[in-house]
PDBML (XML) file of the C-alpha atoms, coordinates in Angstrom:
<?xml version="1.0" encoding="UTF-8" ?>
<PDBx:datablock datablockName="MODEL"
   xmlns:PDBx="http://pdbml.pdb.org/schema/pdbx-v50.xsd"
   xmlns:xsi="http://www.w3.org/2001/XMLSchema-instance"
   xsi:schemaLocation="http://pdbml.pdb.org/schema/pdbx-v50.xsd pdbx-v50.xsd">
   <PDBx:atom_siteCategory>
      <PDBx:atom_site id="1">
         <PDBx:B_iso_or_equiv>0.00</PDBx:B_iso_or_equiv>
         <PDBx:Cartn_x>117.667</PDBx:Cartn_x>
         <PDBx:Cartn_y>-2.506</PDBx:Cartn_y>
         <PDBx:Cartn_z>-9.387</PDBx:Cartn_z>
         <PDBx:auth_asym_id>A</PDBx:auth_asym_id>
         <PDBx:auth_atom_id>CA</PDBx:auth_atom_id>
         <PDBx:auth_comp_id>UNK</PDBx:auth_comp_id>
         <PDBx:auth_seq_id>1</PDBx:auth_seq_id>
         <PDBx:group_PDB>ATOM</PDBx:group_PDB>
         <PDBx:label_alt_id xsi:nil="true" />
         <PDBx:label_asym_id>A</PDBx:label_asym_id>
         <PDBx:label_atom_id>CA</PDBx:label_atom_id>
         <PDBx:label_comp_id>UNK</PDBx:label_comp_id>
         <PDBx:label_entity_id>1</PDBx:label_entity_id>
         <PDBx:label_seq_id>1</PDBx:label_seq_id>
         <PDBx:occupancy>1.00</PDBx:occupancy>
         <PDBx:pdbx_PDB_model_num>1</PDBx:pdbx_PDB_model_num>
         <PDBx:type_symbol>C</PDBx:type_symbol>
      </PDBx:atom_site>
      <PDBx:atom_site id="2">
         <PDBx:B_iso_or_equiv>0.00</PDBx:B_iso_or_equiv>
         <PDBx:Cartn_x>116.907</PDBx:Cartn_x>
         <PDBx:Cartn_y>-3.466</PDBx:Cartn_y>
         <PDBx:Cartn_z>-5.775</PDBx:Cartn_z>
         <PDBx:auth_asym_id>A</PDBx:auth_asym_id>
         <PDBx:auth_atom_id>CA</PDBx:auth_atom_id>
         <PDBx:auth_comp_id>UNK</PDBx:auth_comp_id>
         <PDBx:auth_seq_id>2</PDBx:auth_seq_id>
         <PDBx:group_PDB>ATOM</PDBx:group_PDB>
         <PDBx:label_alt_id xsi:nil="true" />
         <PDBx:label_asym_id>A</PDBx:label_asym_id>
         <PDBx:label_atom_id>CA</PDBx:label_atom_id>
         <PDBx:label_comp_id>UNK</PDBx:label_comp_id>
         <PDBx:label_entity_id>1</PDBx:label_entity_id>
         <PDBx:label_seq_id>2</PDBx:label_seq_id>
         <PDBx:occupancy>1.00</PDBx:occupancy>
         <PDBx:pdbx_PDB_model_num>1</PDBx:pdbx_PDB_model_num>
         <PDBx:type_symbol>C</PDBx:type_symbol>
      </PDBx:atom_site>
      <PDBx:atom_site id="3">
         <PDBx:B_iso_or_equiv>0.00</PDBx:B_iso_or_equiv>
         <PDBx:Cartn_x>120.176</PDBx:Cartn_x>
         <PDBx:Cartn_y>-5.396</PDBx:Cartn_y>
         <PDBx:Cartn_z>-5.582</PDBx:Cartn_z>
         <PDBx:auth_asym_id>A</PDBx:auth_asym_id>
         <PDBx:auth_atom_id>CA</PDBx:auth_atom_id>
         <PDBx:auth_comp_id>UNK</PDBx:auth_comp_id>
         <PDBx:auth_seq_id>3</PDBx:auth_seq_id>
         <PDBx:group_PDB>ATOM</PDBx:group_PDB>
         <PDBx:label_alt_id xsi:nil="true" />
         <PDBx:label_asym_id>A</PDBx:label_asym_id>
         <PDBx:label_atom_id>CA</PDBx:label_atom_id>
         <PDBx:label_comp_id>UNK</PDBx:label_comp_id>
         <PDBx:label_entity_id>1</PDBx:label_entity_id>
         <PDBx:label_seq_id>3</PDBx:label_seq_id>
         <PDBx:occupancy>1.00</PDBx:occupancy>
         <PDBx:pdbx_PDB_model_num>1</PDBx:pdbx_PDB_model_num>
         <PDBx:type_symbol>C</PDBx:type_symbol>
      </PDBx:atom_site>
      <PDBx:atom_site id="4">
         <PDBx:B_iso_or_equiv>0.00</PDBx:B_iso_or_equiv>
         <PDBx:Cartn_x>122.142</PDBx:Cartn_x>
         <PDBx:Cartn_y>-2.442</PDBx:Cartn_y>
         <PDBx:Cartn_z>-6.902</PDBx:Cartn_z>
         <PDBx:auth_asym_id>A</PDBx:auth_asym_id>
         <PDBx:auth_atom_id>CA</PDBx:auth_atom_id>
         <PDBx:auth_comp_id>UNK</PDBx:auth_comp_id>
         <PDBx:auth_seq_id>4</PDBx:auth_seq_id>
         <PDBx:group_PDB>ATOM</PDBx:group_PDB>
         <PDBx:label_alt_id xsi:nil="true" />
         <PDBx:label_asym_id>A</PDBx:label_asym_id>
         <PDBx:label_atom_id>CA</PDBx:label_atom_id>
         <PDBx:label_comp_id>UNK</PDBx:label_comp_id>
         <PDBx:label_entity_id>1</PDBx:label_entity_id>
         <PDBx:label_seq_id>4</PDBx:label_seq_id>
         <PDBx:occupancy>1.00</PDBx:occupancy>
         <PDBx:pdbx_PDB_model_num>1</PDBx:pdbx_PDB_model_num>
         <PDBx:type_symbol>C</PDBx:type_symbol>
      </PDBx:atom_site>
      <PDBx:atom_site id="5">
         <PDBx:B_iso_or_equiv>0.00</PDBx:B_iso_or_equiv>
         <PDBx:Cartn_x>120.438</PDBx:Cartn_x>
         <PDBx:Cartn_y>-0.099</PDBx:Cartn_y>
         <PDBx:Cartn_z>-4.427</PDBx:Cartn_z>
         <PDBx:auth_asym_id>A</PDBx:auth_asym_id>
         <PDBx:auth_atom_id>CA</PDBx:auth_atom_id>
         <PDBx:auth_comp_id>UNK</PDBx:auth_comp_id>
         <PDBx:auth_seq_id>5</PDBx:auth_seq_id>
         <PDBx:group_PDB>ATOM</PDBx:group_PDB>
         <PDBx:label_alt_id xsi:nil="true" />
         <PDBx:label_asym_id>A</PDBx:label_asym_id>
         <PDBx:label_atom_id>CA</PDBx:label_atom_id>
         <PDBx:label_comp_id>UNK</PDBx:label_comp_id>
         <PDBx:label_entity_id>1</PDBx:label_entity_id>
         <PDBx:label_seq_id>5</PDBx:label_seq_id>
         <PDBx:occupancy>1.00</PDBx:occupancy>
         <PDBx:pdbx_PDB_model_num>1</PDBx:pdbx_PDB_model_num>
         <PDBx:type_symbol>C</PDBx:type_symbol>
      </PDBx:atom_site>
      <PDBx:atom_site id="6">
         <PDBx:B_iso_or_equiv>0.00</PDBx:B_iso_or_equiv>
         <PDBx:Cartn_x>121.099</PDBx:Cartn_x>
         <PDBx:Cartn_y>-2.375</PDBx:Cartn_y>
         <PDBx:Cartn_z>-1.462</PDBx:Cartn_z>
         <PDBx:auth_asym_id>A</PDBx:auth_asym_id>
         <PDBx:auth_atom_id>CA</PDBx:auth_atom_id>
         <PDBx:auth_comp_id>UNK</PDBx:auth_comp_id>
         <PDBx:auth_seq_id>6</PDBx:auth_seq_id>
         <PDBx:group_PDB>ATOM</PDBx:group_PDB>
         <PDBx:label_alt_id xsi:nil="true" />
         <PDBx:label_asym_id>A</PDBx:label_asym_id>
         <PDBx:label_atom_id>CA</PDBx:label_atom_id>
         <PDBx:label_comp_id>UNK</PDBx:label_comp_id>
         <PDBx:label_entity_id>1</PDBx:label_entity_id>
         <PDBx:label_seq_id>6</PDBx:label_seq_id>
         <PDBx:occupancy>1.00</PDBx:occupancy>
         <PDBx:pdbx_PDB_model_num>1</PDBx:pdbx_PDB_model_num>
         <PDBx:type_symbol>C</PDBx:type_symbol>
      </PDBx:atom_site>
      <PDBx:atom_site id="7">
         <PDBx:B_iso_or_equiv>0.00</PDBx:B_iso_or_equiv>
         <PDBx:Cartn_x>124.764</PDBx:Cartn_x>
         <PDBx:Cartn_y>-2.801</PDBx:Cartn_y>
         <PDBx:Cartn_z>-2.404</PDBx:Cartn_z>
         <PDBx:auth_asym_id>A</PDBx:auth_asym_id>
         <PDBx:auth_atom_id>CA</PDBx:auth_atom_id>
         <PDBx:auth_comp_id>UNK</PDBx:auth_comp_id>
         <PDBx:auth_seq_id>7</PDBx:auth_seq_id>
         <PDBx:group_PDB>ATOM</PDBx:group_PDB>
         <PDBx:label_alt_id xsi:nil="true" />
         <PDBx:label_asym_id>A</PDBx:label_asym_id>
         <PDBx:label_atom_id>CA</PDBx:label_atom_id>
         <PDBx:label_comp_id>UNK</PDBx:label_comp_id>
         <PDBx:label_entity_id>1</PDBx:label_entity_id>
         <PDBx:label_seq_id>7</PDBx:label_seq_id>
         <PDBx:occupancy>1.00</PDBx:occupancy>
         <PDBx:pdbx_PDB_model_num>1</PDBx:pdbx_PDB_model_num>
         <PDBx:type_symbol>C</PDBx:type_symbol>
      </PDBx:atom_site>
      <PDBx:atom_site id="8">
         <PDBx:B_iso_or_equiv>0.00</PDBx:B_iso_or_equiv>
         <PDBx:Cartn_x>125.241</PDBx:Cartn_x>
         <PDBx:Cartn_y>0.971</PDBx:Cartn_y>
         <PDBx:Cartn_z>-2.467</PDBx:Cartn_z>
         <PDBx:auth_asym_id>A</PDBx:auth_asym_id>
         <PDBx:auth_atom_id>CA</PDBx:auth_atom_id>
         <PDBx:auth_comp_id>UNK</PDBx:auth_comp_id>
         <PDBx:auth_seq_id>8</PDBx:auth_seq_id>
         <PDBx:group_PDB>ATOM</PDBx:group_PDB>
         <PDBx:label_alt_id xsi:nil="true" />
         <PDBx:label_asym_id>A</PDBx:label_asym_id>
         <PDBx:label_atom_id>CA</PDBx:label_atom_id>
         <PDBx:label_comp_id>UNK</PDBx:label_comp_id>
         <PDBx:label_entity_id>1</PDBx:label_entity_id>
         <PDBx:label_seq_id>8</PDBx:label_seq_id>
         <PDBx:occupancy>1.00</PDBx:occupancy>
         <PDBx:pdbx_PDB_model_num>1</PDBx:pdbx_PDB_model_num>
         <PDBx:type_symbol>C</PDBx:type_symbol>
      </PDBx:atom_site>
      <PDBx:atom_site id="9">
         <PDBx:B_iso_or_equiv>0.00</PDBx:B_iso_or_equiv>
         <PDBx:Cartn_x>123.485</PDBx:Cartn_x>
         <PDBx:Cartn_y>1.440</PDBx:Cartn_y>
         <PDBx:Cartn_z>0.884</PDBx:Cartn_z>
         <PDBx:auth_asym_id>A</PDBx:auth_asym_id>
         <PDBx:auth_atom_id>CA</PDBx:auth_atom_id>
         <PDBx:auth_comp_id>UNK</PDBx:auth_comp_id>
         <PDBx:auth_seq_id>9</PDBx:auth_seq_id>
         <PDBx:group_PDB>ATOM</PDBx:group_PDB>
         <PDBx:label_alt_id xsi:nil="true" />
         <PDBx:label_asym_id>A</PDBx:label_asym_id>
         <PDBx:label_atom_id>CA</PDBx:label_atom_id>
         <PDBx:label_comp_id>UNK</PDBx:label_comp_id>
         <PDBx:label_entity_id>1</PDBx:label_entity_id>
         <PDBx:label_seq_id>9</PDBx:label_seq_id>
         <PDBx:occupancy>1.00</PDBx:occupancy>
         <PDBx:pdbx_PDB_model_num>1</PDBx:pdbx_PDB_model_num>
         <PDBx:type_symbol>C</PDBx:type_symbol>
      </PDBx:atom_site>
      <PDBx:atom_site id="10">
         <PDBx:B_iso_or_equiv>0.00</PDBx:B_iso_or_equiv>
         <PDBx:Cartn_x>125.585</PDBx:Cartn_x>
         <PDBx:Cartn_y>-1.320</PDBx:Cartn_y>
         <PDBx:Cartn_z>2.475</PDBx:Cartn_z>
         <PDBx:auth_asym_id>A</PDBx:auth_asym_id>
         <PDBx:auth_atom_id>CA</PDBx:auth_atom_id>
         <PDBx:auth_comp_id>UNK</PDBx:auth_comp_id>
         <PDBx:auth_seq_id>10</PDBx:auth_seq_id>
         <PDBx:group_PDB>ATOM</PDBx:group_PDB>
         <PDBx:label_alt_id xsi:nil="true" />
         <PDBx:label_asym_id>A</PDBx:label_asym_id>
         <PDBx:label_atom_id>CA</PDBx:label_atom_id>
         <PDBx:label_comp_id>UNK</PDBx:label_comp_id>
         <PDBx:label_entity_id>1</PDBx:label_entity_id>
         <PDBx:label_seq_id>10</PDBx:label_seq_id>
         <PDBx:occupancy>1.00</PDBx:occupancy>
         <PDBx:pdbx_PDB_model_num>1</PDBx:pdbx_PDB_model_num>
         <PDBx:type_symbol>C</PDBx:type_symbol>
      </PDBx:atom_site>
      <PDBx:atom_site id="11">
         <PDBx:B_iso_or_equiv>0.00</PDBx:B_iso_or_equiv>
         <PDBx:Cartn_x>128.721</PDBx:Cartn_x>
         <PDBx:Cartn_y>0.305</PDBx:Cartn_y>
         <PDBx:Cartn_z>1.083</PDBx:Cartn_z>
         <PDBx:auth_asym_id>A</PDBx:auth_asym_id>
         <PDBx:auth_atom_id>CA</PDBx:auth_atom_id>
         <PDBx:auth_comp_id>UNK</PDBx:auth_comp_id>
         <PDBx:auth_seq_id>11</PDBx:auth_seq_id>
         <PDBx:group_PDB>ATOM</PDBx:group_PDB>
         <PDBx:label_alt_id xsi:nil="true" />
         <PDBx:label_asym_id>A</PDBx:label_asym_id>
         <PDBx:label_atom_id>CA</PDBx:label_atom_id>
         <PDBx:label_comp_id>UNK</PDBx:label_comp_id>
         <PDBx:label_entity_id>1</PDBx:label_entity_id>
         <PDBx:label_seq_id>11</PDBx:label_seq_id>
         <PDBx:occupancy>1.00</PDBx:occupancy>
         <PDBx:pdbx_PDB_model_num>1</PDBx:pdbx_PDB_model_num>
         <PDBx:type_symbol>C</PDBx:type_symbol>
      </PDBx:atom_site>
      <PDBx:atom_site id="12">
         <PDBx:B_iso_or_equiv>0.00</PDBx:B_iso_or_equiv>
         <PDBx:Cartn_x>127.751</PDBx:Cartn_x>
         <PDBx:Cartn_y>3.684</PDBx:Cartn_y>
         <PDBx:Cartn_z>2.531</PDBx:Cartn_z>
         <PDBx:auth_asym_id>A</PDBx:auth_asym_id>
         <PDBx:auth_atom_id>CA</PDBx:auth_atom_id>
         <PDBx:auth_comp_id>UNK</PDBx:auth_comp_id>
         <PDBx:auth_seq_id>12</PDBx:auth_seq_id>
         <PDBx:group_PDB>ATOM</PDBx:group_PDB>
         <PDBx:label_alt_id xsi:nil="true" />
         <PDBx:label_asym_id>A</PDBx:label_asym_id>
         <PDBx:label_atom_id>CA</PDBx:label_atom_id>
         <PDBx:label_comp_id>UNK</PDBx:label_comp_id>
         <PDBx:label_entity_id>1</PDBx:label_entity_id>
         <PDBx:label_seq_id>12</PDBx:label_seq_id>
         <PDBx:occupancy>1.00</PDBx:occupancy>
         <PDBx:pdbx_PDB_model_num>1</PDBx:pdbx_PDB_model_num>
         <PDBx:type_symbol>C</PDBx:type_symbol>
      </PDBx:atom_site>
      <PDBx:atom_site id="13">
         <PDBx:B_iso_or_equiv>0.00</PDBx:B_iso_or_equiv>
         <PDBx:Cartn_x>126.568</PDBx:Cartn_x>
         <PDBx:Cartn_y>2.339</PDBx:Cartn_y>
         <PDBx:Cartn_z>5.897</PDBx:Cartn_z>
         <PDBx:auth_asym_id>A</PDBx:auth_asym_id>
         <PDBx:auth_atom_id>CA</PDBx:auth_atom_id>
         <PDBx:auth_comp_id>UNK</PDBx:auth_comp_id>
         <PDBx:auth_seq_id>13</PDBx:auth_seq_id>
         <PDBx:group_PDB>ATOM</PDBx:group_PDB>
         <PDBx:label_alt_id xsi:nil="true" />
         <PDBx:label_asym_id>A</PDBx:label_asym_id>
         <PDBx:label_atom_id>CA</PDBx:label_atom_id>
         <PDBx:label_comp_id>UNK</PDBx:label_comp_id>
         <PDBx:label_entity_id>1</PDBx:label_entity_id>
         <PDBx:label_seq_id>13</PDBx:label_seq_id>
         <PDBx:occupancy>1.00</PDBx:occupancy>
         <PDBx:pdbx_PDB_model_num>1</PDBx:pdbx_PDB_model_num>
         <PDBx:type_symbol>C</PDBx:type_symbol>
      </PDBx:atom_site>
      <PDBx:atom_site id="14">
         <PDBx:B_iso_or_equiv>0.00</PDBx:B_iso_or_equiv>
         <PDBx:Cartn_x>129.271</PDBx:Cartn_x>
         <PDBx:Cartn_y>-0.199</PDBx:Cartn_y>
         <PDBx:Cartn_z>6.765</PDBx:Cartn_z>
         <PDBx:auth_asym_id>A</PDBx:auth_asym_id>
         <PDBx:auth_atom_id>CA</PDBx:auth_atom_id>
         <PDBx:auth_comp_id>UNK</PDBx:auth_comp_id>
         <PDBx:auth_seq_id>14</PDBx:auth_seq_id>
         <PDBx:group_PDB>ATOM</PDBx:group_PDB>
         <PDBx:label_alt_id xsi:nil="true" />
         <PDBx:label_asym_id>A</PDBx:label_asym_id>
         <PDBx:label_atom_id>CA</PDBx:label_atom_id>
         <PDBx:label_comp_id>UNK</PDBx:label_comp_id>
         <PDBx:label_entity_id>1</PDBx:label_entity_id>
         <PDBx:label_seq_id>14</PDBx:label_seq_id>
         <PDBx:occupancy>1.00</PDBx:occupancy>
         <PDBx:pdbx_PDB_model_num>1</PDBx:pdbx_PDB_model_num>
         <PDBx:type_symbol>C</PDBx:type_symbol>
      </PDBx:atom_site>
      <PDBx:atom_site id="15">
         <PDBx:B_iso_or_equiv>0.00</PDBx:B_iso_or_equiv>
         <PDBx:Cartn_x>132.276</PDBx:Cartn_x>
         <PDBx:Cartn_y>0.770</PDBx:Cartn_y>
         <PDBx:Cartn_z>4.638</PDBx:Cartn_z>
         <PDBx:auth_asym_id>A</PDBx:auth_asym_id>
         <PDBx:auth_atom_id>CA</PDBx:auth_atom_id>
         <PDBx:auth_comp_id>UNK</PDBx:auth_comp_id>
         <PDBx:auth_seq_id>15</PDBx:auth_seq_id>
         <PDBx:group_PDB>ATOM</PDBx:group_PDB>
         <PDBx:label_alt_id xsi:nil="true" />
         <PDBx:label_asym_id>A</PDBx:label_asym_id>
         <PDBx:label_atom_id>CA</PDBx:label_atom_id>
         <PDBx:label_comp_id>UNK</PDBx:label_comp_id>
         <PDBx:label_entity_id>1</PDBx:label_entity_id>
         <PDBx:label_seq_id>15</PDBx:label_seq_id>
         <PDBx:occupancy>1.00</PDBx:occupancy>
         <PDBx:pdbx_PDB_model_num>1</PDBx:pdbx_PDB_model_num>
         <PDBx:type_symbol>C</PDBx:type_symbol>
      </PDBx:atom_site>
      <PDBx:atom_site id="16">
         <PDBx:B_iso_or_equiv>0.00</PDBx:B_iso_or_equiv>
         <PDBx:Cartn_x>131.898</PDBx:Cartn_x>
         <PDBx:Cartn_y>4.526</PDBx:Cartn_y>
         <PDBx:Cartn_z>4.204</PDBx:Cartn_z>
         <PDBx:auth_asym_id>A</PDBx:auth_asym_id>
         <PDBx:auth_atom_id>CA</PDBx:auth_atom_id>
         <PDBx:auth_comp_id>UNK</PDBx:auth_comp_id>
         <PDBx:auth_seq_id>16</PDBx:auth_seq_id>
         <PDBx:group_PDB>ATOM</PDBx:group_PDB>
         <PDBx:label_alt_id xsi:nil="true" />
         <PDBx:label_asym_id>A</PDBx:label_asym_id>
         <PDBx:label_atom_id>CA</PDBx:label_atom_id>
         <PDBx:label_comp_id>UNK</PDBx:label_comp_id>
         <PDBx:label_entity_id>1</PDBx:label_entity_id>
         <PDBx:label_seq_id>16</PDBx:label_seq_id>
         <PDBx:occupancy>1.00</PDBx:occupancy>
         <PDBx:pdbx_PDB_model_num>1</PDBx:pdbx_PDB_model_num>
         <PDBx:type_symbol>C</PDBx:type_symbol>
      </PDBx:atom_site>
      <PDBx:atom_site id="17">
         <PDBx:B_iso_or_equiv>0.00</PDBx:B_iso_or_equiv>
         <PDBx:Cartn_x>132.049</PDBx:Cartn_x>
         <PDBx:Cartn_y>4.326</PDBx:Cartn_y>
         <PDBx:Cartn_z>0.402</PDBx:Cartn_z>
         <PDBx:auth_asym_id>A</PDBx:auth_asym_id>
         <PDBx:auth_atom_id>CA</PDBx:auth_atom_id>
         <PDBx:auth_comp_id>UNK</PDBx:auth_comp_id>
         <PDBx:auth_seq_id>17</PDBx:auth_seq_id>
         <PDBx:group_PDB>ATOM</PDBx:group_PDB>
         <PDBx:label_alt_id xsi:nil="true" />
         <PDBx:label_asym_id>A</PDBx:label_asym_id>
         <PDBx:label_atom_id>CA</PDBx:label_atom_id>
         <PDBx:label_comp_id>UNK</PDBx:label_comp_id>
         <PDBx:label_entity_id>1</PDBx:label_entity_id>
         <PDBx:label_seq_id>17</PDBx:label_seq_id>
         <PDBx:occupancy>1.00</PDBx:occupancy>
         <PDBx:pdbx_PDB_model_num>1</PDBx:pdbx_PDB_model_num>
         <PDBx:type_symbol>C</PDBx:type_symbol>
      </PDBx:atom_site>
      <PDBx:atom_site id="18">
         <PDBx:B_iso_or_equiv>0.00</PDBx:B_iso_or_equiv>
         <PDBx:Cartn_x>130.786</PDBx:Cartn_x>
         <PDBx:Cartn_y>7.688</PDBx:Cartn_y>
         <PDBx:Cartn_z>-0.866</PDBx:Cartn_z>
         <PDBx:auth_asym_id>A</PDBx:auth_asym_id>
         <PDBx:auth_atom_id>CA</PDBx:auth_atom_id>
         <PDBx:auth_comp_id>UNK</PDBx:auth_comp_id>
         <PDBx:auth_seq_id>18</PDBx:auth_seq_id>
         <PDBx:group_PDB>ATOM</PDBx:group_PDB>
         <PDBx:label_alt_id xsi:nil="true" />
         <PDBx:label_asym_id>A</PDBx:label_asym_id>
         <PDBx:label_atom_id>CA</PDBx:label_atom_id>
         <PDBx:label_comp_id>UNK</PDBx:label_comp_id>
         <PDBx:label_entity_id>1</PDBx:label_entity_id>
         <PDBx:label_seq_id>18</PDBx:label_seq_id>
         <PDBx:occupancy>1.00</PDBx:occupancy>
         <PDBx:pdbx_PDB_model_num>1</PDBx:pdbx_PDB_model_num>
         <PDBx:type_symbol>C</PDBx:type_symbol>
      </PDBx:atom_site>
      <PDBx:atom_site id="19">
         <PDBx:B_iso_or_equiv>0.00</PDBx:B_iso_or_equiv>
         <PDBx:Cartn_x>132.745</PDBx:Cartn_x>
         <PDBx:Cartn_y>8.175</PDBx:Cartn_y>
         <PDBx:Cartn_z>-4.094</PDBx:Cartn_z>
         <PDBx:auth_asym_id>A</PDBx:auth_asym_id>
         <PDBx:auth_atom_id>CA</PDBx:auth_atom_id>
         <PDBx:auth_comp_id>UNK</PDBx:auth_comp_id>
         <PDBx:auth_seq_id>19</PDBx:auth_seq_id>
         <PDBx:group_PDB>ATOM</PDBx:group_PDB>
         <PDBx:label_alt_id xsi:nil="true" />
         <PDBx:label_asym_id>A</PDBx:label_asym_id>
         <PDBx:label_atom_id>CA</PDBx:label_atom_id>
         <PDBx:label_comp_id>UNK</PDBx:label_comp_id>
         <PDBx:label_entity_id>1</PDBx:label_entity_id>
         <PDBx:label_seq_id>19</PDBx:label_seq_id>
         <PDBx:occupancy>1.00</PDBx:occupancy>
         <PDBx:pdbx_PDB_model_num>1</PDBx:pdbx_PDB_model_num>
         <PDBx:type_symbol>C</PDBx:type_symbol>
      </PDBx:atom_site>
      <PDBx:atom_site id="20">
         <PDBx:B_iso_or_equiv>0.00</PDBx:B_iso_or_equiv>
         <PDBx:Cartn_x>130.846</PDBx:Cartn_x>
         <PDBx:Cartn_y>7.712</PDBx:Cartn_y>
         <PDBx:Cartn_z>-7.321</PDBx:Cartn_z>
         <PDBx:auth_asym_id>A</PDBx:auth_asym_id>
         <PDBx:auth_atom_id>CA</PDBx:auth_atom_id>
         <PDBx:auth_comp_id>UNK</PDBx:auth_comp_id>
         <PDBx:auth_seq_id>20</PDBx:auth_seq_id>
         <PDBx:group_PDB>ATOM</PDBx:group_PDB>
         <PDBx:label_alt_id xsi:nil="true" />
         <PDBx:label_asym_id>A</PDBx:label_asym_id>
         <PDBx:label_atom_id>CA</PDBx:label_atom_id>
         <PDBx:label_comp_id>UNK</PDBx:label_comp_id>
         <PDBx:label_entity_id>1</PDBx:label_entity_id>
         <PDBx:label_seq_id>20</PDBx:label_seq_id>
         <PDBx:occupancy>1.00</PDBx:occupancy>
         <PDBx:pdbx_PDB_model_num>1</PDBx:pdbx_PDB_model_num>
         <PDBx:type_symbol>C</PDBx:type_symbol>
      </PDBx:atom_site>
      <PDBx:atom_site id="21">
         <PDBx:B_iso_or_equiv>0.00</PDBx:B_iso_or_equiv>
         <PDBx:Cartn_x>133.361</PDBx:Cartn_x>
         <PDBx:Cartn_y>5.249</PDBx:Cartn_y>
         <PDBx:Cartn_z>-8.763</PDBx:Cartn_z>
         <PDBx:auth_asym_id>A</PDBx:auth_asym_id>
         <PDBx:auth_atom_id>CA</PDBx:auth_atom_id>
         <PDBx:auth_comp_id>UNK</PDBx:auth_comp_id>
         <PDBx:auth_seq_id>21</PDBx:auth_seq_id>
         <PDBx:group_PDB>ATOM</PDBx:group_PDB>
         <PDBx:label_alt_id xsi:nil="true" />
         <PDBx:label_asym_id>A</PDBx:label_asym_id>
         <PDBx:label_atom_id>CA</PDBx:label_atom_id>
         <PDBx:label_comp_id>UNK</PDBx:label_comp_id>
         <PDBx:label_entity_id>1</PDBx:label_entity_id>
         <PDBx:label_seq_id>21</PDBx:label_seq_id>
         <PDBx:occupancy>1.00</PDBx:occupancy>
         <PDBx:pdbx_PDB_model_num>1</PDBx:pdbx_PDB_model_num>
         <PDBx:type_symbol>C</PDBx:type_symbol>
      </PDBx:atom_site>
      <PDBx:atom_site id="22">
         <PDBx:B_iso_or_equiv>0.00</PDBx:B_iso_or_equiv>
         <PDBx:Cartn_x>133.125</PDBx:Cartn_x>
         <PDBx:Cartn_y>3.073</PDBx:Cartn_y>
         <PDBx:Cartn_z>-5.651</PDBx:Cartn_z>
         <PDBx:auth_asym_id>A</PDBx:auth_asym_id>
         <PDBx:auth_atom_id>CA</PDBx:auth_atom_id>
         <PDBx:auth_comp_id>UNK</PDBx:auth_comp_id>
         <PDBx:auth_seq_id>22</PDBx:auth_seq_id>
         <PDBx:group_PDB>ATOM</PDBx:group_PDB>
         <PDBx:label_alt_id xsi:nil="true" />
         <PDBx:label_asym_id>A</PDBx:label_asym_id>
         <PDBx:label_atom_id>CA</PDBx:label_atom_id>
         <PDBx:label_comp_id>UNK</PDBx:label_comp_id>
         <PDBx:label_entity_id>1</PDBx:label_entity_id>
         <PDBx:label_seq_id>22</PDBx:label_seq_id>
         <PDBx:occupancy>1.00</PDBx:occupancy>
         <PDBx:pdbx_PDB_model_num>1</PDBx:pdbx_PDB_model_num>
         <PDBx:type_symbol>C</PDBx:type_symbol>
      </PDBx:atom_site>
      <PDBx:atom_site id="23">
         <PDBx:B_iso_or_equiv>0.00</PDBx:B_iso_or_equiv>
         <PDBx:Cartn_x>129.323</PDBx:Cartn_x>
         <PDBx:Cartn_y>3.157</PDBx:Cartn_y>
         <PDBx:Cartn_z>-5.671</PDBx:Cartn_z>
         <PDBx:auth_asym_id>A</PDBx:auth_asym_id>
         <PDBx:auth_atom_id>CA</PDBx:auth_atom_id>
         <PDBx:auth_comp_id>UNK</PDBx:auth_comp_id>
         <PDBx:auth_seq_id>23</PDBx:auth_seq_id>
         <PDBx:group_PDB>ATOM</PDBx:group_PDB>
         <PDBx:label_alt_id xsi:nil="true" />
         <PDBx:label_asym_id>A</PDBx:label_asym_id>
         <PDBx:label_atom_id>CA</PDBx:label_atom_id>
         <PDBx:label_comp_id>UNK</PDBx:label_comp_id>
         <PDBx:label_entity_id>1</PDBx:label_entity_id>
         <PDBx:label_seq_id>23</PDBx:label_seq_id>
         <PDBx:occupancy>1.00</PDBx:occupancy>
         <PDBx:pdbx_PDB_model_num>1</PDBx:pdbx_PDB_model_num>
         <PDBx:type_symbol>C</PDBx:type_symbol>
      </PDBx:atom_site>
      <PDBx:atom_site id="24">
         <PDBx:B_iso_or_equiv>0.00</PDBx:B_iso_or_equiv>
         <PDBx:Cartn_x>129.269</PDBx:Cartn_x>
         <PDBx:Cartn_y>2.335</PDBx:Cartn_y>
         <PDBx:Cartn_z>-9.375</PDBx:Cartn_z>
         <PDBx:auth_asym_id>A</PDBx:auth_asym_id>
         <PDBx:auth_atom_id>CA</PDBx:auth_atom_id>
         <PDBx:auth_comp_id>UNK</PDBx:auth_comp_id>
         <PDBx:auth_seq_id>24</PDBx:auth_seq_id>
         <PDBx:group_PDB>ATOM</PDBx:group_PDB>
         <PDBx:label_alt_id xsi:nil="true" />
         <PDBx:label_asym_id>A</PDBx:label_asym_id>
         <PDBx:label_atom_id>CA</PDBx:label_atom_id>
         <PDBx:label_comp_id>UNK</PDBx:label_comp_id>
         <PDBx:label_entity_id>1</PDBx:label_entity_id>
         <PDBx:label_seq_id>24</PDBx:label_seq_id>
         <PDBx:occupancy>1.00</PDBx:occupancy>
         <PDBx:pdbx_PDB_model_num>1</PDBx:pdbx_PDB_model_num>
         <PDBx:type_symbol>C</PDBx:type_symbol>
      </PDBx:atom_site>
   </PDBx:atom_siteCategory>
</PDBx:datablock>
């Protein structure tokens, strides 16, 4: 779960990924 959370935060912070499909 921590790995999944960190991946989403990295995607938001550095790549601007905010769509649900991208975060999934």
